[in-house]
Amino acid sequence: MPPLPFSRRADQSGARGSGSASSALDRVPLLAMLGPDLRKRVRKRLSRRRLAAGKPLFRQGEVADALFLIAAGRVRLAVGDRAGHERVLRFLGPGEIVGESAFMAETPHVTTATVVEDATVWRLGRPDFDALLGTHEPVLRYLANLIAERQTEANARLAAETAPEDARALRGYVTAIFSPRGGSGVTTLAVVLGIALAERHPDDTVLLDLDVLFGHTLSTLFLEPRGVLAHVAPTFFQGFTERAALDHYLLAHPSSLRVMPAATRPEDGQNVTAEHVRAALGALRRHFGYVVLDLPHDFSEVALAGLEGADRVLVLATPEPTTLADVLECRRIFTEVLAIAPQRITYVLNHPLPYSAVPTSEFSAATATPWVEVPFGGDAPTRAALRGESLLATRRHNPVARAAQRLADQVTAEASELAALSGRGT
């Protein structure tokens, strides 16, 4: 899957002269590898452009006489054929470079770059690049690696497009919510996010509760199970062509969210395997556009299968020193052991109390990435859960509900981009 920088949307600064914009610009990989003096000289040669959504940054066939650095917004890269059909190649966001392949090859652009969210872009013309960076080996290696990486992504998408029909039918976008510690609010966020997605995509969102020992999703929503994942063999899900075959295991919430419980008793939860998770995910992705996973707080085979099958992993933490240490260890396991690309991970800081033992800035500095925040929402989330109510229905403007709605919008945007990249949407 191509990287979709979920958390980078938080930095929307791009004005020349502001401290935050200068700092953000210096963190762009192309500039971060430069020494202070050279970086300052390059920045002086950059010119800023602001483009509204729908405007082209450059068109296919135009001379590639500049590199572009995105400071804010989103850009769609696509190629058209003689019949007028457009194929989307990738979406790019803050901190990323546009137009590098044609620029380095000194050929006309073979793609069209179109702004899809109002954007601020920095332009570095060829004369300035040649004078300042044309012989800078780290920069040239970085650009060569970037070109090779994006070509690899393009090859992977081509392979996916020619895969068997049953593999290409897996349309659902999977968002997994994981925390290394209990009590961080995983189930609360999974439920509120699931309902927010169900509002945006009626009858097309499902929540798979994989907290197999002590899952509370059903009690939170006041739903009574009819069947659970633990009671069926993984082969049960093979060959489902109609969603009605799943209805016995899908519980309907008034929001239109469907819920599939993995187990309702700890002894049943012991029977759920990674094969169960993969089989259930395959069936749900065929019949739902959006799948939310409520994961256990461990690295059991159930949790690992859920993490590996997710398009987006939300790592949820509370602002405590011990939790930060746990998150750093999880990040090591994700990248070094599970080989989960950092671009697939979003860090979310939940504030269950009105005060924080550790500031958000310390979490961001320790992980070298922005954090999405879920503000303190008072006792409304707990009261809603005790009453089996939807927080979005009863306290729509509660900070927790608002945060979930923002996450739902971002999940929707990423799913739309992924669909466009796979040829299933525009």
Protein backbone atom coordinates (compact mmCIF):
# COMPACT_ATOMS: atom_id res chain seq x y z
CA MET A 1 0.00 0.00 0.00
CA PRO A 2 1.41 3.47 -0.79
CA PRO A 3 2.06 5.68 2.20
CA LEU A 4 -0.81 7.94 3.09
CA PRO A 5 0.49 10.45 5.68
CA PHE A 6 -2.55 10.58 7.97
CA SER A 7 -0.96 12.58 10.76
CA ARG A 8 0.78 15.09 8.51
CA ARG A 9 -2.50 16.88 7.84
CA ALA A 10 -2.15 18.52 11.22
CA ASP A 11 0.54 20.92 9.94
CA GLN A 12 -1.26 23.43 7.77
CA SER A 13 1.23 26.26 8.22
CA GLY A 14 2.97 27.66 5.19
CA ALA A 15 3.45 31.41 5.49
CA ARG A 16 6.88 32.91 4.81
CA GLY A 17 8.44 34.53 7.84
CA SER A 18 6.49 32.74 10.56
CA GLY A 19 8.55 30.74 13.04
CA SER A 20 6.32 27.68 12.77
CA ALA A 21 6.47 27.72 8.96
CA SER A 22 10.27 28.06 8.96
CA SER A 23 10.61 25.21 11.41
CA ALA A 24 8.25 23.01 9.40
CA LEU A 25 10.11 23.80 6.17
CA ASP A 26 13.44 22.91 7.77
CA ARG A 27 12.03 19.49 8.71
CA VAL A 28 11.26 18.61 5.08
CA PRO A 29 13.66 15.70 4.34
CA LEU A 30 15.23 17.46 1.35
CA LEU A 31 16.22 20.41 3.53
CA ALA A 32 16.79 18.59 6.81
CA MET A 33 19.87 16.84 5.40
CA LEU A 34 21.54 20.16 4.59
CA GLY A 35 23.88 22.08 6.84
CA PRO A 36 22.50 25.31 8.38
CA ASP A 37 24.29 27.65 5.95
CA LEU A 38 23.32 25.74 2.81
CA ARG A 39 19.77 25.27 4.05
CA LYS A 40 19.47 29.01 4.57
CA ARG A 41 20.75 29.68 1.05
CA VAL A 42 18.30 27.18 -0.46
CA ARG A 43 15.38 28.65 1.47
CA LYS A 44 16.17 32.10 0.09
CA ARG A 45 15.79 30.71 -3.44
CA LEU A 46 12.39 29.12 -2.78
CA SER A 47 9.30 30.86 -4.08
CA ARG A 48 5.90 30.22 -2.57
CA ARG A 49 2.71 29.42 -4.47
CA ARG A 50 -0.78 29.10 -3.03
CA LEU A 51 -3.25 27.05 -5.05
CA ALA A 52 -6.93 26.41 -4.50
CA ALA A 53 -8.42 22.93 -4.75
CA GLY A 54 -8.90 21.93 -8.39
CA LYS A 55 -5.99 23.98 -9.72
CA PRO A 56 -3.08 22.26 -11.52
CA LEU A 57 0.43 22.53 -10.14
CA PHE A 58 1.77 21.32 -13.50
CA ARG A 59 0.32 19.45 -16.47
CA GLN A 60 1.38 16.42 -18.43
CA GLY A 61 3.74 17.48 -21.25
CA GLU A 62 4.93 20.70 -19.60
CA VAL A 63 8.64 21.36 -19.11
CA ALA A 64 9.88 20.06 -15.74
CA ASP A 65 11.92 23.10 -14.77
CA ALA A 66 11.42 23.00 -10.97
CA LEU A 67 11.06 20.84 -7.90
CA PHE A 68 8.03 21.43 -5.67
CA LEU A 69 7.85 20.97 -1.89
CA ILE A 70 4.38 20.74 -0.36
CA ALA A 71 4.00 22.85 2.78
CA ALA A 72 0.25 22.34 3.25
CA GLY A 73 -2.67 20.69 1.49
CA ARG A 74 -2.90 17.62 -0.77
CA VAL A 75 -1.92 17.03 -4.39
CA ARG A 76 -3.13 14.26 -6.73
CA LEU A 77 -0.71 12.89 -9.30
CA ALA A 78 -2.32 11.28 -12.36
CA VAL A 79 -1.53 10.31 -15.93
CA GLY A 80 -3.95 10.58 -18.86
CA ASP A 81 -4.14 8.65 -22.11
CA ARG A 82 -5.19 9.73 -25.60
CA ALA A 83 -8.78 8.64 -24.94
CA GLY A 84 -9.01 11.08 -22.06
CA HIS A 85 -8.98 8.46 -19.31
CA GLU A 86 -7.13 9.38 -16.13
CA ARG A 87 -5.22 6.99 -13.91
CA VAL A 88 -4.42 8.22 -10.39
CA LEU A 89 -0.88 7.36 -9.36
CA ARG A 90 -0.59 8.77 -5.86
CA PHE A 91 -1.61 11.49 -3.41
CA LEU A 92 1.03 13.67 -1.78
CA GLY A 93 0.87 15.85 1.33
CA PRO A 94 2.92 18.20 3.55
CA GLY A 95 6.65 17.54 3.53
CA GLU A 96 6.65 15.61 0.26
CA ILE A 97 8.23 16.42 -3.11
CA VAL A 98 6.32 16.65 -6.40
CA GLY A 99 7.72 16.37 -9.92
CA GLU A 100 11.08 14.84 -9.01
CA SER A 101 11.21 12.11 -11.71
CA ALA A 102 10.84 14.36 -14.76
CA PHE A 103 12.97 17.06 -13.13
CA MET A 104 15.92 14.73 -12.54
CA ALA A 105 15.54 13.10 -15.96
CA GLU A 106 15.25 16.55 -17.59
CA THR A 107 12.19 15.45 -19.57
CA PRO A 108 8.68 16.92 -19.82
CA HIS A 109 6.25 15.92 -17.10
CA VAL A 110 4.51 12.61 -17.85
CA THR A 111 1.90 13.30 -15.15
CA THR A 112 -0.49 16.04 -14.10
CA ALA A 113 -0.40 17.29 -10.49
CA THR A 114 -3.73 18.71 -9.30
CA VAL A 115 -4.45 20.27 -5.92
CA VAL A 116 -7.26 18.44 -4.08
CA GLU A 117 -7.03 20.42 -0.83
CA ASP A 118 -6.03 24.11 -0.81
CA ALA A 119 -2.25 23.97 -0.89
CA THR A 120 0.87 25.99 -0.18
CA VAL A 121 3.82 24.84 -2.30
CA TRP A 122 7.46 25.93 -2.40
CA ARG A 123 9.17 26.00 -5.82
CA LEU A 124 12.90 25.51 -6.43
CA GLY A 125 13.85 26.33 -10.03
CA ARG A 126 16.41 24.33 -11.99
CA PRO A 127 19.13 27.06 -12.08
CA ASP A 128 18.98 27.39 -8.29
CA PHE A 129 18.94 23.62 -7.79
CA ASP A 130 21.94 23.16 -10.10
CA ALA A 131 23.89 25.95 -8.40
CA LEU A 132 23.21 24.89 -4.81
CA LEU A 133 22.40 21.17 -4.82
CA GLY A 134 23.45 19.81 -8.21
CA THR A 135 26.61 18.22 -6.79
CA HIS A 136 25.35 17.54 -3.25
CA GLU A 137 25.67 13.74 -3.03
CA PRO A 138 23.24 13.15 -0.09
CA VAL A 139 20.52 15.12 -1.89
CA LEU A 140 21.10 13.30 -5.17
CA ARG A 141 21.01 9.93 -3.39
CA TYR A 142 17.83 10.92 -1.58
CA LEU A 143 16.10 11.90 -4.82
CA ALA A 144 17.29 8.73 -6.57
CA ASN A 145 15.97 6.60 -3.70
CA LEU A 146 12.68 8.50 -3.72
CA ILE A 147 12.24 7.90 -7.45
CA ALA A 148 13.04 4.20 -7.02
CA GLU A 149 10.65 3.89 -4.06
CA ARG A 150 7.79 5.46 -5.97
CA GLN A 151 8.48 3.24 -8.97
CA THR A 152 8.28 0.23 -6.66
CA GLU A 153 4.92 1.48 -5.38
CA ALA A 154 3.68 1.87 -8.94
CA ASN A 155 4.77 -1.69 -9.76
CA ALA A 156 2.98 -2.98 -6.66
CA ARG A 157 -0.25 -1.23 -7.67
CA LEU A 158 0.02 -2.68 -11.17
CA ALA A 159 0.40 -6.14 -9.66
CA ALA A 160 -2.64 -5.53 -7.46
CA GLU A 161 -4.70 -4.45 -10.46
CA THR A 162 -3.90 -7.71 -12.24
CA ALA A 163 -4.53 -9.87 -9.16
CA PRO A 164 -7.36 -12.43 -9.14
CA GLU A 165 -10.87 -11.02 -8.90
CA ASP A 166 -11.43 -12.32 -5.37
CA ALA A 167 -8.36 -10.42 -4.11
CA ARG A 168 -9.35 -7.18 -5.84
CA ALA A 169 -12.84 -7.45 -4.35
CA LEU A 170 -11.47 -6.62 -0.88
CA ARG A 171 -12.67 -3.04 -0.96
CA GLY A 172 -13.07 -2.31 2.75
CA TYR A 173 -10.68 0.12 4.44
CA VAL A 174 -9.53 -1.29 7.78
CA THR A 175 -8.75 0.95 10.77
CA ALA A 176 -7.32 -0.85 13.81
CA ILE A 177 -7.26 0.77 17.26
CA PHE A 178 -4.55 -0.54 19.56
CA SER A 179 -3.11 0.42 22.93
CA PRO A 180 -0.36 -1.25 24.94
CA ARG A 181 -2.35 -0.65 28.12
CA GLY A 182 -5.92 -1.22 29.22
CA GLY A 183 -8.03 1.71 30.34
CA SER A 184 -6.80 3.99 27.58
CA GLY A 185 -10.20 4.24 25.88
CA VAL A 186 -9.77 1.87 22.93
CA THR A 187 -13.35 0.59 23.01
CA THR A 188 -14.80 4.06 23.52
CA LEU A 189 -12.88 5.42 20.53
CA ALA A 190 -13.67 2.35 18.40
CA VAL A 191 -17.39 2.71 19.09
CA VAL A 192 -17.57 6.48 18.56
CA LEU A 193 -15.40 6.30 15.43
CA GLY A 194 -17.50 3.41 14.09
CA ILE A 195 -20.73 5.36 14.60
CA ALA A 196 -19.21 8.50 13.05
CA LEU A 197 -18.22 6.48 9.98
CA ALA A 198 -21.67 4.85 9.87
CA GLU A 199 -23.25 8.31 9.76
CA ARG A 200 -21.09 9.22 6.78
CA HIS A 201 -21.45 5.81 5.10
CA PRO A 202 -24.82 4.33 6.11
CA ASP A 203 -25.01 0.55 6.17
CA ASP A 204 -21.40 0.33 5.00
CA THR A 205 -19.46 0.29 8.30
CA VAL A 206 -18.72 -2.64 10.61
CA LEU A 207 -16.88 -2.92 13.93
CA LEU A 208 -15.07 -6.20 14.66
CA ASP A 209 -14.55 -6.57 18.42
CA LEU A 210 -11.32 -8.56 18.81
CA ASP A 211 -10.84 -7.91 22.52
CA VAL A 212 -11.48 -11.63 23.01
CA LEU A 213 -11.10 -11.82 26.79
CA PHE A 214 -12.94 -8.81 28.17
CA GLY A 215 -14.49 -6.97 25.25
CA HIS A 216 -17.07 -4.37 26.21
CA THR A 217 -18.32 -3.20 22.84
CA LEU A 218 -21.66 -5.03 23.11
CA SER A 219 -22.39 -3.80 26.62
CA THR A 220 -21.39 -0.26 25.61
CA LEU A 221 -23.99 -0.34 22.81
CA PHE A 222 -26.57 -2.46 24.69
CA LEU A 223 -26.49 -5.17 22.02
CA GLU A 224 -27.27 -8.85 22.58
CA PRO A 225 -25.12 -11.38 20.68
CA ARG A 226 -26.61 -14.11 18.54
CA GLY A 227 -23.39 -15.72 17.34
CA VAL A 228 -19.70 -15.03 17.85
CA LEU A 229 -16.56 -15.54 15.82
CA ALA A 230 -15.22 -18.10 18.31
CA HIS A 231 -18.06 -20.51 17.50
CA VAL A 232 -17.28 -20.96 13.79
CA ALA A 233 -14.37 -22.38 11.83
CA PRO A 234 -12.30 -19.97 9.72
CA THR A 235 -13.39 -21.85 6.60
CA PHE A 236 -16.97 -20.77 7.35
CA PHE A 237 -16.25 -17.38 5.77
CA GLN A 238 -14.93 -18.71 2.50
CA GLY A 239 -16.96 -18.08 -0.60
CA PHE A 240 -19.55 -15.69 0.88
CA THR A 241 -21.06 -13.80 -2.04
CA GLU A 242 -24.02 -12.31 -0.16
CA ARG A 243 -23.86 -10.25 3.01
CA ALA A 244 -27.03 -11.90 4.27
CA ALA A 245 -24.94 -14.97 5.07
CA LEU A 246 -23.19 -12.91 7.78
CA ASP A 247 -26.34 -11.47 9.34
CA HIS A 248 -26.46 -13.97 12.19
CA TYR A 249 -23.11 -12.63 13.41
CA LEU A 250 -23.69 -8.94 12.65
CA LEU A 251 -25.57 -6.91 15.24
CA ALA A 252 -27.24 -3.72 14.05
CA HIS A 253 -26.97 -0.45 15.96
CA PRO A 254 -29.52 2.33 15.26
CA SER A 255 -26.74 4.36 13.59
CA SER A 256 -26.53 1.55 10.94
CA LEU A 257 -23.18 0.42 12.38
CA ARG A 258 -22.82 -3.36 12.35
CA VAL A 259 -20.91 -5.10 15.12
CA MET A 260 -19.32 -8.56 14.98
CA PRO A 261 -18.20 -9.88 18.39
CA ALA A 262 -15.30 -12.31 18.49
CA ALA A 263 -16.33 -13.76 21.85
CA THR A 264 -18.54 -12.99 24.84
CA ARG A 265 -16.77 -15.19 27.43
CA PRO A 266 -13.04 -15.45 28.15
CA GLU A 267 -13.03 -19.20 27.64
CA ASP A 268 -14.52 -18.73 24.16
CA GLY A 269 -11.97 -16.04 23.41
CA GLN A 270 -9.18 -18.59 23.83
CA ASN A 271 -10.51 -20.38 20.73
CA VAL A 272 -10.12 -17.37 18.43
CA THR A 273 -7.04 -17.69 16.23
CA ALA A 274 -5.21 -15.58 13.68
CA GLU A 275 -6.93 -17.65 10.98
CA HIS A 276 -10.31 -16.57 12.40
CA VAL A 277 -9.26 -12.93 12.20
CA ARG A 278 -7.94 -13.14 8.65
CA ALA A 279 -11.01 -15.03 7.43
CA ALA A 280 -13.45 -12.64 9.11
CA LEU A 281 -11.56 -9.60 7.81
CA GLY A 282 -11.64 -10.99 4.29
CA ALA A 283 -15.42 -11.47 4.43
CA LEU A 284 -16.09 -8.08 6.02
CA ARG A 285 -13.88 -6.22 3.55
CA ARG A 286 -15.86 -7.72 0.68
CA HIS A 287 -19.18 -6.42 1.99
CA PHE A 288 -18.32 -3.21 3.88
CA GLY A 289 -16.41 -0.12 2.81
CA TYR A 290 -15.19 0.62 6.34
CA VAL A 291 -14.00 -1.86 8.97
CA VAL A 292 -13.00 -0.79 12.51
CA LEU A 293 -11.02 -3.18 14.75
CA ASP A 294 -11.11 -3.03 18.55
CA LEU A 295 -7.85 -4.85 19.40
CA PRO A 296 -6.65 -6.47 22.64
CA HIS A 297 -3.85 -4.84 24.64
CA ASP A 298 -1.15 -7.36 23.80
CA PHE A 299 0.78 -8.94 20.96
CA SER A 300 -1.21 -12.15 20.83
CA GLU A 301 -1.82 -13.83 17.48
CA VAL A 302 -5.26 -12.18 17.37
CA ALA A 303 -3.78 -8.69 17.83
CA LEU A 304 -0.97 -9.37 15.35
CA ALA A 305 -3.39 -10.58 12.67
CA GLY A 306 -5.48 -7.45 13.17
CA LEU A 307 -2.46 -5.15 13.00
CA GLU A 308 -1.13 -6.84 9.87
CA GLY A 309 -4.52 -6.64 8.14
CA ALA A 310 -5.07 -2.94 8.87
CA ASP A 311 -4.64 -0.11 6.39
CA ARG A 312 -4.37 2.37 9.27
CA VAL A 313 -3.28 1.64 12.86
CA LEU A 314 -4.33 4.13 15.53
CA VAL A 315 -2.04 3.72 18.55
CA LEU A 316 -3.93 5.12 21.53
CA ALA A 317 -2.18 6.34 24.67
CA THR A 318 -2.89 8.38 27.77
CA PRO A 319 -0.51 11.18 28.88
CA GLU A 320 1.58 9.29 31.47
CA PRO A 321 5.34 8.59 31.60
CA THR A 322 4.91 4.80 31.74
CA THR A 323 2.56 4.88 28.75
CA LEU A 324 5.10 6.84 26.70
CA ALA A 325 7.72 4.16 27.42
CA ASP A 326 5.22 1.50 26.32
CA VAL A 327 4.46 3.37 23.10
CA LEU A 328 8.14 3.62 22.22
CA GLU A 329 8.53 -0.12 22.73
CA CYS A 330 5.44 -0.76 20.58
CA ARG A 331 6.87 1.41 17.84
CA ARG A 332 10.05 -0.68 17.89
CA ILE A 333 8.03 -3.89 17.58
CA PHE A 334 5.87 -2.44 14.80
CA THR A 335 8.85 -1.41 12.66
CA GLU A 336 11.55 -3.96 13.52
CA VAL A 337 9.51 -7.11 14.17
CA LEU A 338 6.21 -6.71 12.33
CA ALA A 339 7.56 -4.55 9.46
CA ILE A 340 4.56 -2.20 9.65
CA ALA A 341 5.43 0.91 7.65
CA PRO A 342 5.57 4.04 9.85
CA GLN A 343 3.24 5.75 7.38
CA ARG A 344 0.48 3.32 8.39
CA ILE A 345 0.64 4.34 12.06
CA THR A 346 -1.10 7.30 13.66
CA TYR A 347 -0.51 8.16 17.30
CA VAL A 348 -3.52 9.36 19.29
CA LEU A 349 -3.29 10.90 22.75
CA ASN A 350 -6.46 10.46 24.80
CA HIS A 351 -7.12 12.75 27.77
CA PRO A 352 -9.48 10.89 30.16
CA LEU A 353 -8.69 13.42 32.91
CA PRO A 354 -8.69 17.24 32.86
CA TYR A 355 -4.94 17.32 33.49
CA SER A 356 -1.91 15.64 31.89
CA ALA A 357 1.12 14.16 33.63
CA VAL A 358 3.13 14.49 30.39
CA PRO A 359 2.55 17.26 27.82
CA THR A 360 1.70 16.34 24.24
CA SER A 361 4.88 18.03 23.04
CA GLU A 362 6.94 15.45 24.94
CA PHE A 363 5.10 12.59 23.20
CA SER A 364 5.66 14.27 19.83
CA ALA A 365 9.35 14.85 20.52
CA ALA A 366 9.94 11.29 21.75
CA THR A 367 8.29 9.72 18.71
CA ALA A 368 9.38 12.38 16.18
CA THR A 369 5.84 12.57 14.81
CA PRO A 370 2.71 14.69 15.39
CA TRP A 371 0.02 13.28 17.68
CA VAL A 372 -3.73 13.52 17.16
CA GLU A 373 -5.45 14.51 20.39
CA VAL A 374 -8.74 13.42 21.94
CA PRO A 375 -9.50 16.18 24.50
CA PHE A 376 -11.02 15.62 27.94
CA GLY A 377 -14.75 15.06 27.48
CA GLY A 378 -15.93 15.11 31.08
CA ASP A 379 -18.16 12.27 32.25
CA ALA A 380 -20.31 12.26 29.09
CA PRO A 381 -18.52 9.32 27.40
CA THR A 382 -18.84 7.17 30.53
CA ARG A 383 -22.49 8.10 31.06
CA ALA A 384 -23.30 7.35 27.43
CA ALA A 385 -21.67 3.92 27.73
CA LEU A 386 -23.56 3.12 30.95
CA ARG A 387 -26.85 4.00 29.25
CA GLY A 388 -26.04 2.27 25.97
CA GLU A 389 -26.33 5.58 24.14
CA SER A 390 -24.41 6.94 21.20
CA LEU A 391 -22.23 9.85 22.30
CA LEU A 392 -22.74 11.36 18.85
CA ALA A 393 -26.51 11.22 19.30
CA THR A 394 -26.64 12.63 22.83
CA ARG A 395 -23.56 14.86 23.09
CA ARG A 396 -22.56 15.58 19.53
CA HIS A 397 -20.46 18.60 20.45
CA ASN A 398 -18.59 16.84 23.24
CA PRO A 399 -14.81 17.09 22.65
CA VAL A 400 -14.51 13.29 22.36
CA ALA A 401 -17.32 13.18 19.79
CA ARG A 402 -15.73 16.01 17.82
CA ALA A 403 -12.36 14.28 17.80
CA ALA A 404 -13.97 11.06 16.56
CA GLN A 405 -15.71 12.97 13.77
CA ARG A 406 -12.39 14.48 12.66
CA LEU A 407 -10.83 11.02 12.63
CA ALA A 408 -13.80 9.72 10.63
CA ASP A 409 -13.27 12.46 8.06
CA GLN A 410 -9.59 11.56 7.77
CA VAL A 411 -10.35 7.83 7.46
CA THR A 412 -12.90 8.63 4.74
CA ALA A 413 -10.34 10.75 2.86
CA GLU A 414 -7.69 8.03 3.06
CA ALA A 415 -10.14 5.34 1.94
CA SER A 416 -11.16 7.52 -1.01
CA GLU A 417 -7.52 8.05 -1.99
CA LEU A 418 -6.75 4.34 -1.72
CA ALA A 419 -9.80 3.54 -3.86
CA ALA A 420 -8.64 6.03 -6.49
CA LEU A 421 -5.15 4.53 -6.50
CA SER A 422 -6.57 1.04 -7.02
CA GLY A 423 -8.84 2.20 -9.85
CA ARG A 424 -12.04 1.79 -7.83
CA GLY A 425 -12.86 5.47 -7.53
CA THR A 426 -11.83 8.97 -8.44
